C-alpha atoms as a PDB file:
ATOM      1  CA  MET A   1      -0.099  -0.192  -0.054  1.00  0.00           C
ATOM      2  CA  ARG A   2       2.663   2.453   0.958  1.00  0.00           C
ATOM      3  CA  MET A   3       4.363   1.950  -2.527  1.00  0.00           C
ATOM      4  CA  HIS A   4       1.141   2.422  -4.160  1.00  0.00           C
ATOM      5  CA  SER A   5       0.564   6.023  -2.633  1.00  0.00           C
ATOM      6  CA  VAL A   6       4.200   6.852  -3.366  1.00  0.00           C
ATOM      7  CA  LEU A   7       3.423   6.267  -6.959  1.00  0.00           C
ATOM      8  CA  LEU A   8       0.248   7.761  -7.135  1.00  0.00           C
ATOM      9  CA  PHE A   9       1.721  10.991  -5.392  1.00  0.00           C
ATOM     10  CA  GLY A  10       4.763  11.165  -7.771  1.00  0.00           C
ATOM     11  CA  VAL A  11       2.380  11.189 -10.816  1.00  0.00           C
ATOM     12  CA  ALA A  12       0.280  13.795  -9.288  1.00  0.00           C
ATOM     13  CA  PHE A  13       3.275  16.157  -8.427  1.00  0.00           C
ATOM     14  CA  LEU A  14       5.531  15.969 -11.376  1.00  0.00           C
ATOM     15  CA  ALA A  15       8.135  18.660 -11.289  1.00  0.00           C
ATOM     16  CA  ILE A  16       8.520  20.852 -14.189  1.00  0.00           C
ATOM     17  CA  ALA A  17      10.620  23.943 -15.045  1.00  0.00           C
ATOM     18  CA  ASN A  18      11.112  26.391 -17.888  1.00  0.00           C
ATOM     19  CA  GLY A  19       8.554  24.243 -19.883  1.00  0.00           C
ATOM     20  CA  ASN A  20       9.863  20.831 -19.589  1.00  0.00           C
ATOM     21  CA  ALA A  21      13.165  20.533 -17.775  1.00  0.00           C
ATOM     22  CA  ALA A  22      12.652  18.982 -14.381  1.00  0.00           C
ATOM     23  CA  ASP A  23      15.470  20.996 -12.371  1.00  0.00           C
ATOM     24  CA  ALA A  24      16.975  23.359 -14.679  1.00  0.00           C
ATOM     25  CA  PRO A  25      19.232  26.246 -13.292  1.00  0.00           C
ATOM     26  CA  SER A  26      17.022  29.734 -13.773  1.00  0.00           C
ATOM     27  CA  ALA A  27      17.790  31.528 -16.930  1.00  0.00           C
ATOM     28  CA  THR A  28      18.704  34.581 -14.459  1.00  0.00           C
ATOM     29  CA  ALA A  29      20.771  32.237 -12.352  1.00  0.00           C
ATOM     30  CA  ASN A  30      24.326  33.864 -11.506  1.00  0.00           C
ATOM     31  CA  SER A  31      27.325  31.593 -11.732  1.00  0.00           C
ATOM     32  CA  ASN A  32      28.315  29.174  -8.980  1.00  0.00           C
ATOM     33  CA  GLN A  33      27.823  30.617  -5.455  1.00  0.00           C
ATOM     34  CA  SER A  34      28.930  29.315  -2.103  1.00  0.00           C
ATOM     35  CA  ALA A  35      26.181  27.764   0.140  1.00  0.00           C
ATOM     36  CA  ALA A  36      26.400  25.187   2.929  1.00  0.00           C
ATOM     37  CA  TRP A  37      24.081  22.584   4.191  1.00  0.00           C
ATOM     38  CA  THR A  38      21.995  23.726   7.297  1.00  0.00           C
ATOM     39  CA  THR A  39      19.552  21.826   9.347  1.00  0.00           C
ATOM     40  CA  ARG A  40      15.830  22.863   9.169  1.00  0.00           C
ATOM     41  CA  LYS A  41      12.714  21.684  11.004  1.00  0.00           C
ATOM     42  CA  ILE A  42       9.064  21.700  10.244  1.00  0.00           C
ATOM     43  CA  GLU A  43       6.831  21.054  12.765  1.00  0.00           C
ATOM     44  CA  GLN A  44       3.248  19.943  12.820  1.00  0.00           C
ATOM     45  CA  PHE A  45       3.259  19.037   8.731  1.00  0.00           C
ATOM     46  CA  SER A  46      -0.254  18.077   8.069  1.00  0.00           C
ATOM     47  CA  PRO A  47      -1.059  18.782   4.563  1.00  0.00           C
ATOM     48  CA  PRO A  48      -4.612  19.662   3.489  1.00  0.00           C
ATOM     49  CA  ASN A  49      -6.540  16.676   2.205  1.00  0.00           C
ATOM     50  CA  VAL A  50      -9.455  18.611   0.344  1.00  0.00           C
ATOM     51  CA  TYR A  51     -10.061  22.091  -0.509  1.00  0.00           C
ATOM     52  CA  VAL A  52     -13.450  23.308   0.262  1.00  0.00           C
ATOM     53  CA  PRO A  53     -14.062  26.647  -1.808  1.00  0.00           C
ATOM     54  CA  ALA A  54     -16.638  28.132   0.432  1.00  0.00           C
ATOM     55  CA  ASN A  55     -14.888  27.778   3.574  1.00  0.00           C
ATOM     56  CA  GLY A  56     -11.269  27.619   2.566  1.00  0.00           C
ATOM     57  CA  TYR A  57      -8.952  24.594   3.886  1.00  0.00           C
ATOM     58  CA  GLU A  58     -10.789  21.710   5.455  1.00  0.00           C
ATOM     59  CA  THR A  59      -8.551  21.033   8.509  1.00  0.00           C
ATOM     60  CA  ASN A  60      -9.596  17.557   9.084  1.00  0.00           C
ATOM     61  CA  THR A  61      -6.848  15.302   7.282  1.00  0.00           C
ATOM     62  CA  SER A  62      -8.209  12.047   9.031  1.00  0.00           C
ATOM     63  CA  SER A  63      -8.424  10.406   5.565  1.00  0.00           C
ATOM     64  CA  LEU A  64      -4.834  10.608   5.267  1.00  0.00           C
ATOM     65  CA  SER A  65      -3.082   7.835   6.699  1.00  0.00           C
ATOM     66  CA  CYS A  66       0.671   8.526   8.635  1.00  0.00           C
ATOM     67  CA  ASP A  67       2.537   6.803   5.729  1.00  0.00           C
ATOM     68  CA  GLN A  68       0.450   8.947   3.201  1.00  0.00           C
ATOM     69  CA  ILE A  69       1.834  12.271   4.896  1.00  0.00           C
ATOM     70  CA  ILE A  70       5.264  10.953   4.988  1.00  0.00           C
ATOM     71  CA  ASP A  71       5.276   9.951   1.244  1.00  0.00           C
ATOM     72  CA  ARG A  72       3.874  13.322   0.517  1.00  0.00           C
ATOM     73  CA  ALA A  73       6.439  15.125   2.635  1.00  0.00           C
ATOM     74  CA  ARG A  74       9.449  13.016   1.540  1.00  0.00           C
ATOM     75  CA  PHE A  75       8.599  13.579  -2.224  1.00  0.00           C
ATOM     76  CA  LEU A  76       8.253  17.071  -1.616  1.00  0.00           C
ATOM     77  CA  LEU A  77      11.463  17.617   0.275  1.00  0.00           C
ATOM     78  CA  LEU A  78      13.358  15.757  -2.408  1.00  0.00           C
ATOM     79  CA  GLN A  79      11.933  17.739  -5.451  1.00  0.00           C
ATOM     80  CA  LEU A  80      13.041  21.018  -3.401  1.00  0.00           C
ATOM     81  CA  GLY A  81      16.615  19.857  -3.093  1.00  0.00           C
ATOM     82  CA  ALA A  82      16.549  18.596   0.953  1.00  0.00           C
ATOM     83  CA  ARG A  83      18.766  15.785   2.093  1.00  0.00           C
ATOM     84  CA  ASP A  84      19.217  14.127   5.447  1.00  0.00           C
ATOM     85  CA  ILE A  85      15.472  13.715   5.946  1.00  0.00           C
ATOM     86  CA  SER A  86      14.308  12.630   8.969  1.00  0.00           C
ATOM     87  CA  ILE A  87      10.823  12.356  10.014  1.00  0.00           C
ATOM     88  CA  ASP A  88       9.390  11.844  13.554  1.00  0.00           C
ATOM     89  CA  MET A  89       5.675  10.418  13.337  1.00  0.00           C
ATOM     90  CA  ARG A  90       4.847   9.891  17.013  1.00  0.00           C
ATOM     91  CA  ASP A  91       2.358  12.312  17.011  1.00  0.00           C
ATOM     92  CA  CYS A  92       0.875  11.065  13.865  1.00  0.00           C
ATOM     93  CA  GLU A  93       0.813   7.397  15.028  1.00  0.00           C
ATOM     94  CA  ARG A  94      -1.154   8.480  18.365  1.00  0.00           C
ATOM     95  CA  LYS A  95      -4.129  10.040  16.618  1.00  0.00           C
ATOM     96  CA  GLN A  96      -7.376   8.536  16.625  1.00  0.00           C
ATOM     97  CA  ALA A  97      -9.100   8.096  13.313  1.00  0.00           C
ATOM     98  CA  ASN A  98     -10.937  11.417  13.155  1.00  0.00           C
ATOM     99  CA  GLU A  99      -8.022  13.478  14.744  1.00  0.00           C
ATOM    100  CA  ILE A 100      -5.678  15.458  12.710  1.00  0.00           C
ATOM    101  CA  ARG A 101      -2.416  13.678  11.873  1.00  0.00           C
ATOM    102  CA  MET A 102       0.560  15.506  11.973  1.00  0.00           C
ATOM    103  CA  ILE A 103       4.459  14.748  11.548  1.00  0.00           C
ATOM    104  CA  ASP A 104       7.773  16.723  12.545  1.00  0.00           C
ATOM    105  CA  ILE A 105      10.464  16.814   9.639  1.00  0.00           C
ATOM    106  CA  THR A 106      14.041  17.527   9.998  1.00  0.00           C
ATOM    107  CA  PHE A 107      16.381  17.992   7.229  1.00  0.00           C
ATOM    108  CA  SER A 108      19.230  19.828   5.508  1.00  0.00           C
ATOM    109  CA  ALA A 109      18.881  22.585   3.164  1.00  0.00           C
ATOM    110  CA  LEU A 110      21.346  24.990   1.195  1.00  0.00           C
ATOM    111  CA  GLU A 111      21.855  28.196   2.818  1.00  0.00           C
ATOM    112  CA  PRO A 112      24.021  30.987   0.910  1.00  0.00           C
ATOM    113  CA  SER A 113      27.343  31.492   2.505  1.00  0.00           C
ATOM    114  CA  GLY A 114      28.215  35.010   3.268  1.00  0.00           C
ATOM    115  CA  GLN A 115      24.486  36.069   3.758  1.00  0.00           C
ATOM    116  CA  ALA A 116      23.768  38.729   6.545  1.00  0.00           C
ATOM    117  CA  GLY A 117      22.253  37.211   9.468  1.00  0.00           C
ATOM    118  CA  ALA A 118      22.665  33.543   8.260  1.00  0.00           C
ATOM    119  CA  VAL A 119      24.446  30.755  10.252  1.00  0.00           C
ATOM    120  CA  THR A 120      25.808  28.172   7.952  1.00  0.00           C
ATOM    121  CA  ALA A 121      27.813  25.349   9.741  1.00  0.00           C
ATOM    122  CA  GLY A 122      28.599  23.044   6.775  1.00  0.00           C
ATOM    123  CA  VAL A 123      31.303  22.696   4.175  1.00  0.00           C
ATOM    124  CA  PRO A 124      30.886  25.104   1.574  1.00  0.00           C
ATOM    125  CA  ILE A 125      29.767  23.970  -1.855  1.00  0.00           C
ATOM    126  CA  ALA A 126      28.746  25.306  -5.201  1.00  0.00           C
ATOM    127  CA  ALA A 127      25.312  26.049  -5.593  1.00  0.00           C
ATOM    128  CA  GLN A 128      23.148  27.588  -8.285  1.00  0.00           C
ATOM    129  CA  TRP A 129      19.415  28.802  -8.129  1.00  0.00           C
ATOM    130  CA  HIS A 130      17.000  26.459 -10.045  1.00  0.00           C
ATOM    131  CA  THR A 131      13.518  27.309 -10.952  1.00  0.00           C
ATOM    132  CA  VAL A 132      11.144  24.629  -9.625  1.00  0.00           C
ATOM    133  CA  ALA A 133       7.396  24.745 -10.338  1.00  0.00           C
ATOM    134  CA  LEU A 134       5.242  22.015  -9.400  1.00  0.00           C
ATOM    135  CA  LYS A 135       2.458  20.728 -11.174  1.00  0.00           C
ATOM    136  CA  GLY A 136      -1.066  20.360  -9.371  1.00  0.00           C
ATOM    137  CA  GLY A 137      -3.734  18.395 -11.480  1.00  0.00           C
ATOM    138  CA  GLY A 138      -6.572  18.871  -9.145  1.00  0.00           C
ATOM    139  CA  ILE A 139      -8.451  20.875  -6.164  1.00  0.00           C
ATOM    140  CA  GLY A 140      -6.808  18.768  -3.815  1.00  0.00           C
ATOM    141  CA  ASP A 141      -3.242  19.145  -5.385  1.00  0.00           C
ATOM    142  CA  CYS A 142      -3.471  23.042  -5.601  1.00  0.00           C
ATOM    143  CA  ALA A 143      -4.486  23.123  -1.908  1.00  0.00           C
ATOM    144  CA  PHE A 144      -1.602  21.087  -1.177  1.00  0.00           C
ATOM    145  CA  LEU A 145       0.833  23.082  -2.975  1.00  0.00           C
ATOM    146  CA  ASN A 146      -0.531  26.125  -1.686  1.00  0.00           C
ATOM    147  CA  TYR A 147      -0.123  24.728   1.956  1.00  0.00           C
ATOM    148  CA  VAL A 148       3.557  23.764   0.883  1.00  0.00           C
ATOM    149  CA  THR A 149       4.353  27.507  -0.276  1.00  0.00           C
ATOM    150  CA  ARG A 150       3.360  28.916   2.879  1.00  0.00           C
ATOM    151  CA  LYS A 151       4.360  26.159   5.284  1.00  0.00           C
ATOM    152  CA  VAL A 152       7.402  24.615   3.519  1.00  0.00           C
ATOM    153  CA  LEU A 153       9.212  26.743   1.469  1.00  0.00           C
ATOM    154  CA  PRO A 154      10.093  29.365   4.133  1.00  0.00           C
ATOM    155  CA  ALA A 155      12.592  26.461   5.483  1.00  0.00           C
ATOM    156  CA  PHE A 156      14.423  26.764   2.151  1.00  0.00           C
ATOM    157  CA  SER A 157      16.664  29.597   0.620  1.00  0.00           C
ATOM    158  CA  THR A 158      14.321  30.551  -2.369  1.00  0.00           C
ATOM    159  CA  ARG A 159      13.815  33.793  -4.227  1.00  0.00           C
ATOM    160  CA  ASN A 160      11.097  34.752  -6.716  1.00  0.00           C
ATOM    161  CA  VAL A 161       8.415  32.677  -4.775  1.00  0.00           C
ATOM    162  CA  LYS A 162       5.104  33.270  -6.718  1.00  0.00           C
ATOM    163  CA  LEU A 163       1.875  32.383  -4.482  1.00  0.00           C
ATOM    164  CA  ILE A 164      -0.482  31.073  -7.212  1.00  0.00           C
ATOM    165  CA  SER A 165      -4.078  31.098  -6.310  1.00  0.00           C
ATOM    166  CA  MET A 166      -6.489  28.012  -6.562  1.00  0.00           C
ATOM    167  CA  ALA A 167      -8.266  29.347  -9.575  1.00  0.00           C
ATOM    168  CA  ASP A 168      -5.017  30.055 -11.438  1.00  0.00           C
ATOM    169  CA  CYS A 169      -3.527  26.542 -10.234  1.00  0.00           C
ATOM    170  CA  LYS A 170      -6.534  24.647 -11.758  1.00  0.00           C
ATOM    171  CA  ARG A 171      -6.403  26.919 -14.798  1.00  0.00           C
ATOM    172  CA  ILE A 172      -2.439  26.761 -15.725  1.00  0.00           C
ATOM    173  CA  GLY A 173      -1.831  23.611 -13.691  1.00  0.00           C
ATOM    174  CA  VAL A 174       0.907  25.003 -11.786  1.00  0.00           C
ATOM    175  CA  GLY A 175       0.702  25.294  -8.246  1.00  0.00           C
ATOM    176  CA  LEU A 176       4.159  26.046  -6.661  1.00  0.00           C
ATOM    177  CA  TYR A 177       6.481  28.215  -8.415  1.00  0.00           C
ATOM    178  CA  ALA A 178      10.033  29.317  -6.910  1.00  0.00           C
ATOM    179  CA  GLN A 179      13.593  29.702  -7.508  1.00  0.00           C
ATOM    180  CA  ILE A 180      15.456  27.275  -4.839  1.00  0.00           C
ATOM    181  CA  LEU A 181      19.040  27.128  -3.979  1.00  0.00           C
ATOM    182  CA  LYS A 182      20.289  23.603  -5.067  1.00  0.00           C
ATOM    183  CA  PRO A 183      23.935  22.083  -5.471  1.00  0.00           C
ATOM    184  CA  THR A 184      25.645  22.681  -8.801  1.00  0.00           C
ATOM    185  CA  LYS A 185      25.651  19.403 -10.867  1.00  0.00           C
ATOM    186  CA  ARG A 186      28.804  17.942 -11.993  1.00  0.00           C
END
């Protein structure tokens, strides 16, 4: 069952950038810059399961299993360039069938070196800004990507983040758009 949900999720949220390349450096990307891996934490990750247009997000995600929430989080974080992903699902497993299930996630993301106020502890590596656009195929997908833009993206080094409305997401098929700092591929 777990593998099945990963495959369904992977099909629903295919990464696209610049039309068809999955992880292309931004056309406005600077040459390589120095960055370091920094530990990040997202607490109480519980993506919306359904979007109810009249009321906003439906907060009852009881129909999502803990495995489904973990699969969504892991797939998403990998698309955004995270590594060293660790998931604490203790709160998720303790919930009753009708309660909101949540997980806490710890991972590493790149932080530009030399940025004012930034604390980077890792070894400097070469990085570039990559355009990431995640596709949303339906109302639930668009609600999830809107949630991700608000809850997850702040944990990453980003620029040119576009908050895409539900209507536009359904119309153009893209629900998340941002430039993310990722390692330079060799």
